[in-house]
C-alpha atoms as a PDB file:
ATOM      1  CA  MET A   1     -21.015 -12.186  -0.335  1.00  0.00           C
ATOM      2  CA  SER A   2     -19.554 -14.526  -2.936  1.00  0.00           C
ATOM      3  CA  ALA A   3     -15.976 -14.164  -4.108  1.00  0.00           C
ATOM      4  CA  ASP A   4     -17.218 -13.461  -7.625  1.00  0.00           C
ATOM      5  CA  SER A   5     -19.112 -10.394  -6.430  1.00  0.00           C
ATOM      6  CA  GLY A   6     -16.067  -8.789  -4.807  1.00  0.00           C
ATOM      7  CA  CYS A   7     -15.533  -6.549  -7.821  1.00  0.00           C
ATOM      8  CA  ASP A   8     -19.055  -5.153  -7.354  1.00  0.00           C
ATOM      9  CA  ARG A   9     -17.595  -3.129  -4.479  1.00  0.00           C
ATOM     10  CA  LEU A  10     -15.317  -1.139  -6.784  1.00  0.00           C
ATOM     11  CA  PRO A  11     -16.430   2.407  -7.654  1.00  0.00           C
ATOM     12  CA  PRO A  12     -17.108   3.077 -11.337  1.00  0.00           C
ATOM     13  CA  GLU A  13     -14.053   5.384 -11.598  1.00  0.00           C
ATOM     14  CA  THR A  14     -11.610   2.487 -11.889  1.00  0.00           C
ATOM     15  CA  ASP A  15      -9.348   4.303 -14.346  1.00  0.00           C
ATOM     16  CA  GLN A  16      -9.138   7.328 -12.039  1.00  0.00           C
ATOM     17  CA  ILE A  17      -8.329   5.061  -9.101  1.00  0.00           C
ATOM     18  CA  ARG A  18      -5.501   3.433 -11.049  1.00  0.00           C
ATOM     19  CA  THR A  19      -4.110   6.768 -12.212  1.00  0.00           C
ATOM     20  CA  ALA A  20      -4.254   8.251  -8.705  1.00  0.00           C
ATOM     21  CA  LEU A  21      -2.273   5.363  -7.213  1.00  0.00           C
ATOM     22  CA  ARG A  22       0.296   5.315 -10.002  1.00  0.00           C
ATOM     23  CA  GLU A  23       0.950   9.071  -9.746  1.00  0.00           C
ATOM     24  CA  TRP A  24       1.151   8.925  -5.942  1.00  0.00           C
ATOM     25  CA  TYR A  25       3.650   6.070  -6.071  1.00  0.00           C
ATOM     26  CA  GLU A  26       5.820   7.775  -8.651  1.00  0.00           C
ATOM     27  CA  ASP A  27       5.931  10.908  -6.483  1.00  0.00           C
ATOM     28  CA  GLU A  28       5.985   9.474  -2.964  1.00  0.00           C
ATOM     29  CA  HIS A  29       7.470   5.977  -2.759  1.00  0.00           C
ATOM     30  CA  ARG A  30      10.348   5.022  -0.522  1.00  0.00           C
ATOM     31  CA  SER A  31      13.613   4.362  -2.324  1.00  0.00           C
ATOM     32  CA  PHE A  32      15.036   0.850  -2.004  1.00  0.00           C
ATOM     33  CA  PRO A  33      17.740  -0.547  -4.297  1.00  0.00           C
ATOM     34  CA  TRP A  34      15.736  -3.680  -5.116  1.00  0.00           C
ATOM     35  CA  ARG A  35      13.117  -1.379  -6.632  1.00  0.00           C
ATOM     36  CA  GLU A  36      15.749  -0.022  -9.001  1.00  0.00           C
ATOM     37  CA  THR A  37      16.714  -3.385 -10.504  1.00  0.00           C
ATOM     38  CA  ASP A  38      15.075  -6.045 -12.616  1.00  0.00           C
ATOM     39  CA  ASP A  39      17.674  -8.689 -11.710  1.00  0.00           C
ATOM     40  CA  PRO A  40      15.608 -11.722 -10.615  1.00  0.00           C
ATOM     41  CA  TYR A  41      18.425 -13.000  -8.402  1.00  0.00           C
ATOM     42  CA  ALA A  42      18.668  -9.754  -6.426  1.00  0.00           C
ATOM     43  CA  ILE A  43      14.876  -9.582  -6.169  1.00  0.00           C
ATOM     44  CA  LEU A  44      14.628 -13.190  -4.974  1.00  0.00           C
ATOM     45  CA  VAL A  45      17.208 -12.507  -2.258  1.00  0.00           C
ATOM     46  CA  CYS A  46      15.177  -9.491  -1.108  1.00  0.00           C
ATOM     47  CA  GLU A  47      11.901 -11.402  -1.117  1.00  0.00           C
ATOM     48  CA  VAL A  48      13.322 -14.258   0.938  1.00  0.00           C
ATOM     49  CA  MET A  49      14.986 -11.901   3.413  1.00  0.00           C
ATOM     50  CA  SER A  50      11.894  -9.756   3.894  1.00  0.00           C
ATOM     51  CA  GLN A  51       9.431 -12.558   4.610  1.00  0.00           C
ATOM     52  CA  GLN A  52       9.382 -11.727   8.321  1.00  0.00           C
ATOM     53  CA  THR A  53      11.731  -8.741   8.491  1.00  0.00           C
ATOM     54  CA  GLN A  54      11.055  -5.020   8.055  1.00  0.00           C
ATOM     55  CA  LEU A  55      12.432  -3.592   4.804  1.00  0.00           C
ATOM     56  CA  ASP A  56      14.569  -1.018   6.590  1.00  0.00           C
ATOM     57  CA  ARG A  57      16.372  -3.837   8.413  1.00  0.00           C
ATOM     58  CA  VAL A  58      16.749  -5.882   5.247  1.00  0.00           C
ATOM     59  CA  LEU A  59      18.774  -3.195   3.472  1.00  0.00           C
ATOM     60  CA  ASP A  60      22.171  -3.805   5.108  1.00  0.00           C
ATOM     61  CA  ALA A  61      21.792  -7.581   4.950  1.00  0.00           C
ATOM     62  CA  TRP A  62      20.770  -7.479   1.280  1.00  0.00           C
ATOM     63  CA  ASN A  63      23.727  -5.271   0.347  1.00  0.00           C
ATOM     64  CA  GLY A  64      26.110  -7.475   2.308  1.00  0.00           C
ATOM     65  CA  PHE A  65      24.770 -10.668   0.754  1.00  0.00           C
ATOM     66  CA  LEU A  66      25.103  -9.334  -2.795  1.00  0.00           C
ATOM     67  CA  ASP A  67      28.573  -7.977  -2.072  1.00  0.00           C
ATOM     68  CA  ARG A  68      29.633 -11.476  -1.074  1.00  0.00           C
ATOM     69  CA  TRP A  69      27.668 -13.431  -3.701  1.00  0.00           C
ATOM     70  CA  PRO A  70      26.785 -10.934  -6.456  1.00  0.00           C
ATOM     71  CA  THR A  71      25.377 -13.458  -8.960  1.00  0.00           C
ATOM     72  CA  VAL A  72      23.307 -16.601  -8.845  1.00  0.00           C
ATOM     73  CA  ASP A  73      26.300 -18.558 -10.165  1.00  0.00           C
ATOM     74  CA  GLU A  74      28.495 -17.389  -7.290  1.00  0.00           C
ATOM     75  CA  LEU A  75      25.839 -18.250  -4.736  1.00  0.00           C
ATOM     76  CA  ALA A  76      25.391 -21.699  -6.255  1.00  0.00           C
ATOM     77  CA  ALA A  77      29.138 -22.288  -6.018  1.00  0.00           C
ATOM     78  CA  ALA A  78      29.338 -21.136  -2.388  1.00  0.00           C
ATOM     79  CA  GLU A  79      29.615 -23.420   0.609  1.00  0.00           C
ATOM     80  CA  ARG A  80      26.164 -23.813   2.101  1.00  0.00           C
ATOM     81  CA  ALA A  81      27.578 -23.465   5.602  1.00  0.00           C
ATOM     82  CA  ASP A  82      28.916 -20.012   4.664  1.00  0.00           C
ATOM     83  CA  VAL A  83      25.507 -18.914   3.403  1.00  0.00           C
ATOM     84  CA  VAL A  84      23.768 -20.151   6.538  1.00  0.00           C
ATOM     85  CA  GLY A  85      26.450 -18.524   8.677  1.00  0.00           C
ATOM     86  CA  PHE A  86      25.886 -15.164   7.022  1.00  0.00           C
ATOM     87  CA  TRP A  87      22.126 -15.528   7.532  1.00  0.00           C
ATOM     88  CA  SER A  88      22.571 -16.262  11.189  1.00  0.00           C
ATOM     89  CA  GLU A  89      25.005 -13.386  11.728  1.00  0.00           C
ATOM     90  CA  GLN A  90      22.463 -10.984  10.201  1.00  0.00           C
ATOM     91  CA  ARG A  91      19.742 -12.344  12.485  1.00  0.00           C
ATOM     92  CA  LEU A  92      17.393 -12.903   9.560  1.00  0.00           C
ATOM     93  CA  GLY A  93      15.723 -15.841  11.289  1.00  0.00           C
ATOM     94  CA  TYR A  94      14.800 -19.319  10.072  1.00  0.00           C
ATOM     95  CA  ASN A  95      18.139 -20.529   8.743  1.00  0.00           C
ATOM     96  CA  ASN A  96      16.348 -23.013   6.501  1.00  0.00           C
ATOM     97  CA  ARG A  97      15.538 -20.048   4.258  1.00  0.00           C
ATOM     98  CA  ALA A  98      19.268 -19.623   3.633  1.00  0.00           C
ATOM     99  CA  ARG A  99      19.552 -23.308   2.766  1.00  0.00           C
ATOM    100  CA  TYR A 100      16.575 -23.098   0.415  1.00  0.00           C
ATOM    101  CA  LEU A 101      17.963 -19.971  -1.241  1.00  0.00           C
ATOM    102  CA  HIS A 102      21.280 -21.696  -1.836  1.00  0.00           C
ATOM    103  CA  GLU A 103      19.547 -24.754  -3.269  1.00  0.00           C
ATOM    104  CA  ALA A 104      17.354 -22.573  -5.492  1.00  0.00           C
ATOM    105  CA  ALA A 105      20.517 -20.957  -6.894  1.00  0.00           C
ATOM    106  CA  GLU A 106      21.874 -24.408  -7.671  1.00  0.00           C
ATOM    107  CA  GLN A 107      18.640 -25.268  -9.474  1.00  0.00           C
ATOM    108  CA  VAL A 108      18.801 -22.102 -11.587  1.00  0.00           C
ATOM    109  CA  VAL A 109      22.376 -22.878 -12.597  1.00  0.00           C
ATOM    110  CA  ASP A 110      21.920 -26.604 -13.176  1.00  0.00           C
ATOM    111  CA  ARG A 111      18.410 -26.735 -14.593  1.00  0.00           C
ATOM    112  CA  TYR A 112      18.061 -23.350 -16.293  1.00  0.00           C
ATOM    113  CA  ASP A 113      21.660 -22.647 -17.275  1.00  0.00           C
ATOM    114  CA  GLY A 114      21.824 -19.645 -14.952  1.00  0.00           C
ATOM    115  CA  SER A 115      18.721 -17.873 -16.311  1.00  0.00           C
ATOM    116  CA  PHE A 116      15.677 -17.604 -14.105  1.00  0.00           C
ATOM    117  CA  PRO A 117      12.308 -18.794 -15.447  1.00  0.00           C
ATOM    118  CA  THR A 118       9.942 -15.895 -16.049  1.00  0.00           C
ATOM    119  CA  ASP A 119       6.592 -17.537 -15.321  1.00  0.00           C
ATOM    120  CA  PRO A 120       5.268 -17.598 -11.723  1.00  0.00           C
ATOM    121  CA  ARG A 121       4.252 -21.257 -11.974  1.00  0.00           C
ATOM    122  CA  GLU A 122       7.702 -22.311 -13.142  1.00  0.00           C
ATOM    123  CA  LEU A 123       9.403 -20.154 -10.512  1.00  0.00           C
ATOM    124  CA  GLN A 124       7.552 -22.184  -7.876  1.00  0.00           C
ATOM    125  CA  GLU A 125       9.659 -25.174  -8.910  1.00  0.00           C
ATOM    126  CA  LEU A 126      12.607 -23.512  -7.145  1.00  0.00           C
ATOM    127  CA  MET A 127      13.298 -24.671  -3.607  1.00  0.00           C
ATOM    128  CA  GLY A 128      11.545 -22.596  -0.970  1.00  0.00           C
ATOM    129  CA  VAL A 129       9.729 -20.424  -3.517  1.00  0.00           C
ATOM    130  CA  GLY A 130       6.000 -20.404  -2.840  1.00  0.00           C
ATOM    131  CA  PRO A 131       3.207 -18.748  -4.838  1.00  0.00           C
ATOM    132  CA  TYR A 132       3.680 -15.302  -3.293  1.00  0.00           C
ATOM    133  CA  THR A 133       7.459 -15.162  -3.779  1.00  0.00           C
ATOM    134  CA  ALA A 134       7.195 -16.585  -7.295  1.00  0.00           C
ATOM    135  CA  ASN A 135       4.647 -13.955  -8.230  1.00  0.00           C
ATOM    136  CA  ALA A 136       6.752 -11.182  -6.705  1.00  0.00           C
ATOM    137  CA  VAL A 137       9.856 -12.222  -8.675  1.00  0.00           C
ATOM    138  CA  ALA A 138       7.823 -12.574 -11.896  1.00  0.00           C
ATOM    139  CA  SER A 139       6.289  -9.135 -11.295  1.00  0.00           C
ATOM    140  CA  PHE A 140       9.330  -7.136 -10.281  1.00  0.00           C
ATOM    141  CA  ALA A 141      11.925  -8.819 -12.489  1.00  0.00           C
ATOM    142  CA  PHE A 142       9.900  -9.610 -15.607  1.00  0.00           C
ATOM    143  CA  ASN A 143       6.686  -7.551 -15.328  1.00  0.00           C
ATOM    144  CA  ASN A 144       4.975 -10.892 -15.794  1.00  0.00           C
ATOM    145  CA  GLY A 145       3.116 -11.481 -12.550  1.00  0.00           C
ATOM    146  CA  ASP A 146      -0.407 -11.566 -11.230  1.00  0.00           C
ATOM    147  CA  ALA A 147      -1.783  -9.080  -8.722  1.00  0.00           C
ATOM    148  CA  VAL A 148       0.016  -9.463  -5.388  1.00  0.00           C
ATOM    149  CA  VAL A 149      -2.263 -10.074  -2.424  1.00  0.00           C
ATOM    150  CA  ASP A 150      -0.370  -9.796   0.854  1.00  0.00           C
ATOM    151  CA  THR A 151      -1.498  -8.544   4.261  1.00  0.00           C
ATOM    152  CA  ASN A 152      -0.954  -4.903   3.282  1.00  0.00           C
ATOM    153  CA  VAL A 153      -2.982  -5.272   0.088  1.00  0.00           C
ATOM    154  CA  LYS A 154      -5.824  -7.016   1.910  1.00  0.00           C
ATOM    155  CA  ARG A 155      -5.929  -4.186   4.450  1.00  0.00           C
ATOM    156  CA  VAL A 156      -6.117  -1.565   1.698  1.00  0.00           C
ATOM    157  CA  LEU A 157      -8.857  -3.345  -0.252  1.00  0.00           C
ATOM    158  CA  TYR A 158     -10.878  -4.113   2.867  1.00  0.00           C
ATOM    159  CA  ARG A 159     -10.816  -0.521   4.042  1.00  0.00           C
ATOM    160  CA  ALA A 160     -11.051   1.304   0.742  1.00  0.00           C
ATOM    161  CA  PHE A 161     -13.634  -0.781  -1.092  1.00  0.00           C
ATOM    162  CA  ASP A 162     -15.272  -2.821   1.670  1.00  0.00           C
ATOM    163  CA  VAL A 163     -14.044  -6.094   0.174  1.00  0.00           C
ATOM    164  CA  PRO A 164     -15.059  -8.966   2.489  1.00  0.00           C
ATOM    165  CA  ASP A 165     -12.426 -10.857   4.450  1.00  0.00           C
ATOM    166  CA  ASP A 166     -12.249 -13.677   1.920  1.00  0.00           C
ATOM    167  CA  ASP A 167      -9.098 -14.652   0.028  1.00  0.00           C
ATOM    168  CA  ALA A 168     -10.922 -15.326  -3.231  1.00  0.00           C
ATOM    169  CA  ALA A 169     -12.679 -11.948  -3.043  1.00  0.00           C
ATOM    170  CA  PHE A 170      -9.396 -10.134  -2.356  1.00  0.00           C
ATOM    171  CA  GLU A 171      -7.757 -11.878  -5.309  1.00  0.00           C
ATOM    172  CA  ALA A 172     -10.676 -11.080  -7.624  1.00  0.00           C
ATOM    173  CA  VAL A 173     -10.649  -7.369  -6.764  1.00  0.00           C
ATOM    174  CA  ALA A 174      -6.847  -7.172  -6.905  1.00  0.00           C
ATOM    175  CA  ARG A 175      -6.878  -8.700 -10.397  1.00  0.00           C
ATOM    176  CA  GLU A 176      -9.636  -6.359 -11.543  1.00  0.00           C
ATOM    177  CA  LEU A 177      -7.738  -3.301 -10.314  1.00  0.00           C
ATOM    178  CA  MET A 178      -4.313  -4.141 -11.753  1.00  0.00           C
ATOM    179  CA  PRO A 179      -3.825  -2.657 -15.253  1.00  0.00           C
ATOM    180  CA  ALA A 180      -2.744  -5.079 -17.960  1.00  0.00           C
ATOM    181  CA  ASN A 181       0.999  -5.621 -18.346  1.00  0.00           C
ATOM    182  CA  SER A 182       1.764  -3.458 -15.297  1.00  0.00           C
ATOM    183  CA  SER A 183       2.510  -5.921 -12.519  1.00  0.00           C
ATOM    184  CA  ARG A 184       5.924  -4.395 -11.711  1.00  0.00           C
ATOM    185  CA  LEU A 185       4.647  -0.868 -11.069  1.00  0.00           C
ATOM    186  CA  TRP A 186       1.200  -1.760  -9.759  1.00  0.00           C
ATOM    187  CA  ASN A 187       2.229  -4.364  -7.211  1.00  0.00           C
ATOM    188  CA  ASN A 188       4.972  -2.119  -5.866  1.00  0.00           C
ATOM    189  CA  ALA A 189       2.507   0.776  -5.652  1.00  0.00           C
ATOM    190  CA  ILE A 190      -0.340  -0.953  -3.842  1.00  0.00           C
ATOM    191  CA  MET A 191       2.019  -2.626  -1.368  1.00  0.00           C
ATOM    192  CA  GLU A 192       3.637   0.746  -0.723  1.00  0.00           C
ATOM    193  CA  LEU A 193       0.214   2.252  -0.086  1.00  0.00           C
ATOM    194  CA  GLY A 194      -0.463  -0.374   2.557  1.00  0.00           C
ATOM    195  CA  GLY A 195       3.034  -0.035   3.980  1.00  0.00           C
ATOM    196  CA  VAL A 196       3.192   3.730   4.526  1.00  0.00           C
ATOM    197  CA  ALA A 197      -0.332   5.227   4.349  1.00  0.00           C
ATOM    198  CA  CYS A 198      -2.828   2.449   5.120  1.00  0.00           C
ATOM    199  CA  GLU A 199      -0.877   0.942   7.991  1.00  0.00           C
ATOM    200  CA  LYS A 200      -2.543  -0.681  10.982  1.00  0.00           C
ATOM    201  CA  LYS A 201      -2.727   2.858  12.333  1.00  0.00           C
ATOM    202  CA  PRO A 202      -3.645   4.783   9.170  1.00  0.00           C
ATOM    203  CA  ARG A 203      -1.889   7.980   8.108  1.00  0.00           C
ATOM    204  CA  CYS A 204      -4.275   8.982   5.331  1.00  0.00           C
ATOM    205  CA  ASP A 205      -3.761  12.744   5.297  1.00  0.00           C
ATOM    206  CA  GLU A 206      -0.154  12.703   6.451  1.00  0.00           C
ATOM    207  CA  ARG A 207       0.800  10.420   3.555  1.00  0.00           C
ATOM    208  CA  ALA A 208      -1.662  12.005   1.119  1.00  0.00           C
ATOM    209  CA  CYS A 209      -3.373   8.688   0.383  1.00  0.00           C
ATOM    210  CA  PRO A 210      -4.498   8.891  -3.252  1.00  0.00           C
ATOM    211  CA  TRP A 211      -7.671   6.870  -2.594  1.00  0.00           C
ATOM    212  CA  ARG A 212      -9.233   9.104   0.047  1.00  0.00           C
ATOM    213  CA  ALA A 213     -11.955  10.270  -2.330  1.00  0.00           C
ATOM    214  CA  TRP A 214     -13.182   6.679  -2.773  1.00  0.00           C
ATOM    215  CA  CYS A 215     -12.256   5.109   0.557  1.00  0.00           C
ATOM    216  CA  ARG A 216     -15.100   3.781   2.715  1.00  0.00           C
ATOM    217  CA  ALA A 217     -12.958   3.814   5.867  1.00  0.00           C
ATOM    218  CA  TYR A 218     -11.832   7.409   5.291  1.00  0.00           C
ATOM    219  CA  GLU A 219     -15.448   8.452   4.915  1.00  0.00           C
ATOM    220  CA  ASP A 220     -16.914   6.717   7.962  1.00  0.00           C
ATOM    221  CA  GLY A 221     -13.878   6.537  10.268  1.00  0.00           C
ATOM    222  CA  ASP A 222     -13.946   2.751  10.743  1.00  0.00           C
ATOM    223  CA  PHE A 223     -10.374   1.585  10.110  1.00  0.00           C
ATOM    224  CA  THR A 224     -10.782  -2.005  11.195  1.00  0.00           C
ATOM    225  CA  ALA A 225      -9.275  -4.590   8.837  1.00  0.00           C
ATOM    226  CA  PRO A 226      -8.481  -8.321   8.822  1.00  0.00           C
ATOM    227  CA  ASP A 227      -5.258  -7.644  10.747  1.00  0.00           C
ATOM    228  CA  VAL A 228      -6.698  -4.700  12.741  1.00  0.00           C
ATOM    229  CA  PRO A 229      -9.641  -6.143  14.685  1.00  0.00           C
ATOM    230  CA  THR A 230     -10.223  -3.211  17.046  1.00  0.00           C
ATOM    231  CA  GLN A 231     -11.818  -0.089  15.638  1.00  0.00           C
ATOM    232  CA  PRO A 232      -9.821   3.067  16.431  1.00  0.00           C
ATOM    233  CA  ALA A 233     -11.570   5.734  18.473  1.00  0.00           C
ATOM    234  CA  PHE A 234     -13.929   7.760  16.303  1.00  0.00           C
ATOM    235  CA  GLU A 235     -15.059  10.351  18.826  1.00  0.00           C
ATOM    236  CA  GLY A 236     -13.125  13.562  18.222  1.00  0.00           C
ATOM    237  CA  SER A 237     -11.263  12.144  15.224  1.00  0.00           C
ATOM    238  CA  ARG A 238     -10.598  14.011  12.000  1.00  0.00           C
ATOM    239  CA  ARG A 239     -12.969  11.572  10.252  1.00  0.00           C
ATOM    240  CA  GLN A 240     -15.751  12.595  12.620  1.00  0.00           C
ATOM    241  CA  MET A 241     -15.060  16.289  12.014  1.00  0.00           C
ATOM    242  CA  ARG A 242     -15.140  15.785   8.244  1.00  0.00           C
ATOM    243  CA  GLY A 243     -18.524  14.142   8.617  1.00  0.00           C
ATOM    244  CA  ARG A 244     -19.792  17.039  10.676  1.00  0.00           C
ATOM    245  CA  VAL A 245     -18.670  19.521   8.016  1.00  0.00           C
ATOM    246  CA  ILE A 246     -20.570  17.587   5.351  1.00  0.00           C
ATOM    247  CA  ALA A 247     -23.656  17.286   7.580  1.00  0.00           C
ATOM    248  CA  ALA A 248     -23.653  21.010   8.397  1.00  0.00           C
ATOM    249  CA  LEU A 249     -23.324  22.004   4.745  1.00  0.00           C
ATOM    250  CA  LYS A 250     -26.113  19.616   3.784  1.00  0.00           C
ATOM    251  CA  GLU A 251     -28.433  21.066   6.425  1.00  0.00           C
ATOM    252  CA  HIS A 252     -27.598  24.768   6.166  1.00  0.00           C
ATOM    253  CA  GLY A 253     -26.257  25.190   2.634  1.00  0.00           C
ATOM    254  CA  THR A 254     -23.499  27.694   1.814  1.00  0.00           C
ATOM    255  CA  GLN A 255     -21.938  29.048   5.007  1.00  0.00           C
ATOM    256  CA  ARG A 256     -19.337  31.506   6.175  1.00  0.00           C
ATOM    257  CA  LEU A 257     -16.451  29.781   7.937  1.00  0.00           C
ATOM    258  CA  ALA A 258     -17.293  31.736  11.101  1.00  0.00           C
ATOM    259  CA  ASP A 259     -20.789  30.201  11.071  1.00  0.00           C
ATOM    260  CA  LEU A 260     -19.693  26.742  10.001  1.00  0.00           C
ATOM    261  CA  GLY A 261     -17.005  26.314  12.667  1.00  0.00           C
ATOM    262  CA  PRO A 262     -19.310  26.241  15.740  1.00  0.00           C
ATOM    263  CA  ARG A 263     -21.549  23.716  13.969  1.00  0.00           C
ATOM    264  CA  VAL A 264     -18.566  21.395  13.629  1.00  0.00           C
ATOM    265  CA  ARG A 265     -17.143  21.847  17.157  1.00  0.00           C
ATOM    266  CA  VAL A 266     -18.819  23.555  20.088  1.00  0.00           C
ATOM    267  CA  ASP A 267     -15.382  24.727  21.268  1.00  0.00           C
ATOM    268  CA  TYR A 268     -14.604  26.396  17.930  1.00  0.00           C
ATOM    269  CA  ARG A 269     -12.864  29.798  18.284  1.00  0.00           C
ATOM    270  CA  ASP A 270     -11.542  31.715  15.301  1.00  0.00           C
ATOM    271  CA  ASP A 271      -8.062  32.073  16.778  1.00  0.00           C
ATOM    272  CA  GLY A 272      -8.086  28.903  18.880  1.00  0.00           C
ATOM    273  CA  THR A 273      -6.569  25.451  18.433  1.00  0.00           C
ATOM    274  CA  TYR A 274      -9.824  24.442  16.778  1.00  0.00           C
ATOM    275  CA  GLY A 275     -10.250  27.649  14.865  1.00  0.00           C
ATOM    276  CA  ARG A 276     -10.193  29.120  11.406  1.00  0.00           C
ATOM    277  CA  GLU A 277      -6.873  27.533  10.407  1.00  0.00           C
ATOM    278  CA  TRP A 278      -7.974  24.094  11.628  1.00  0.00           C
ATOM    279  CA  LEU A 279     -11.300  24.375   9.793  1.00  0.00           C
ATOM    280  CA  ALA A 280      -9.572  25.553   6.622  1.00  0.00           C
ATOM    281  CA  GLY A 281      -7.449  22.405   6.722  1.00  0.00           C
ATOM    282  CA  LEU A 282     -10.532  20.196   6.917  1.00  0.00           C
ATOM    283  CA  LEU A 283     -12.132  22.075   4.048  1.00  0.00           C
ATOM    284  CA  GLU A 284      -8.970  21.840   1.972  1.00  0.00           C
ATOM    285  CA  ASP A 285      -8.976  18.046   2.377  1.00  0.00           C
ATOM    286  CA  LEU A 286     -12.640  17.851   1.439  1.00  0.00           C
ATOM    287  CA  ALA A 287     -12.087  20.125  -1.553  1.00  0.00           C
ATOM    288  CA  GLU A 288      -9.218  17.931  -2.782  1.00  0.00           C
ATOM    289  CA  ASP A 289     -11.561  14.945  -2.495  1.00  0.00           C
ATOM    290  CA  GLY A 290     -14.099  16.748  -4.664  1.00  0.00           C
ATOM    291  CA  LEU A 291     -16.696  17.055  -1.901  1.00  0.00           C
ATOM    292  CA  VAL A 292     -16.815  20.807  -1.165  1.00  0.00           C
ATOM    293  CA  ASP A 293     -16.107  24.146  -2.805  1.00  0.00           C
ATOM    294  CA  VAL A 294     -14.470  26.996  -0.871  1.00  0.00           C
ATOM    295  CA  ARG A 295     -14.359  30.537  -2.276  1.00  0.00           C
ATOM    296  CA  THR A 296     -13.656  34.078  -1.155  1.00  0.00           C
ATOM    297  CA  ARG A 297     -16.520  36.550  -1.552  1.00  0.00           C
ATOM    298  CA  SER A 298     -16.140  40.136  -2.703  1.00  0.00           C
ATOM    299  CA  ASP A 299     -16.292  41.299   0.925  1.00  0.00           C
ATOM    300  CA  GLY A 300     -13.273  39.105   1.741  1.00  0.00           C
ATOM    301  CA  ASP A 301     -15.245  36.501   3.702  1.00  0.00           C
ATOM    302  CA  ARG A 302     -14.616  32.834   2.856  1.00  0.00           C
ATOM    303  CA  VAL A 303     -17.621  30.576   2.348  1.00  0.00           C
ATOM    304  CA  ALA A 304     -17.998  26.837   1.838  1.00  0.00           C
ATOM    305  CA  ARG A 305     -20.658  24.736   0.155  1.00  0.00           C
ATOM    306  CA  LEU A 306     -21.126  21.175  -0.965  1.00  0.00           C
ATOM    307  CA  LYS A 307     -19.867  20.577  -4.477  1.00  0.00           C
ATOM    308  CA  ARG A 308     -22.700  20.095  -6.948  1.00  0.00           C
END
């Protein structure tokens, strides 16, 4: 498939997809202090520190760095050996990043009079700042970035919308999805989705992934991705059971839960591990995704049917 056709994989409900992700992020995202600031200096420090380090580990180092050098001017005036020493003590790896960060601070002070450029292309003129970091700073500090495409975002797009493993296709779909003038919120949200729900081992239901209703992987149980080459076991999985519910309702129409259960699992028992409560949970997920209706009849029995 050509890169230009990547957007053909998007469902027609693009506005609903955007709204679902935005609302999920606003309700569910992890709290980090760099998400509560629009200071480009603080954001640049975070981006450089987190290039190969988990965010939870970055937190103490980031706070300590900003306590010692709270502004770009103070970092520029610092001894480079002190900056590198701090980096090494925090075990942040690749001490050249500390040197580049110090030199970038000097550039901001000397060339830009202490004010960061706001455009991603101009931010790339800073030492050690590549396209990804420049776009992240432009997005999170100035709401002036393009769609971020990192490993997490690729995994989400590959699984959810079957985007091919092609950088140009990922970038095209990411741009199409991102609402205009929303790079700060959107890029944070889609990276968070990949970081906590669509991880290498997905936690779709546990993290209430907002894209389950549209997600190809959630529907068919194949959670491979560019960085996840081995397909997780499907046999006995929740994805398989969801599929069996749909298949049984398609074949037999409206059914009592007591009749539906054995058609989903041969070991179904009303009061067992795979019983009425377990089946109700599957049906609740499918109802939230707009796939089934569940109602209580006048005789008190609950029945399920495919949503029309």
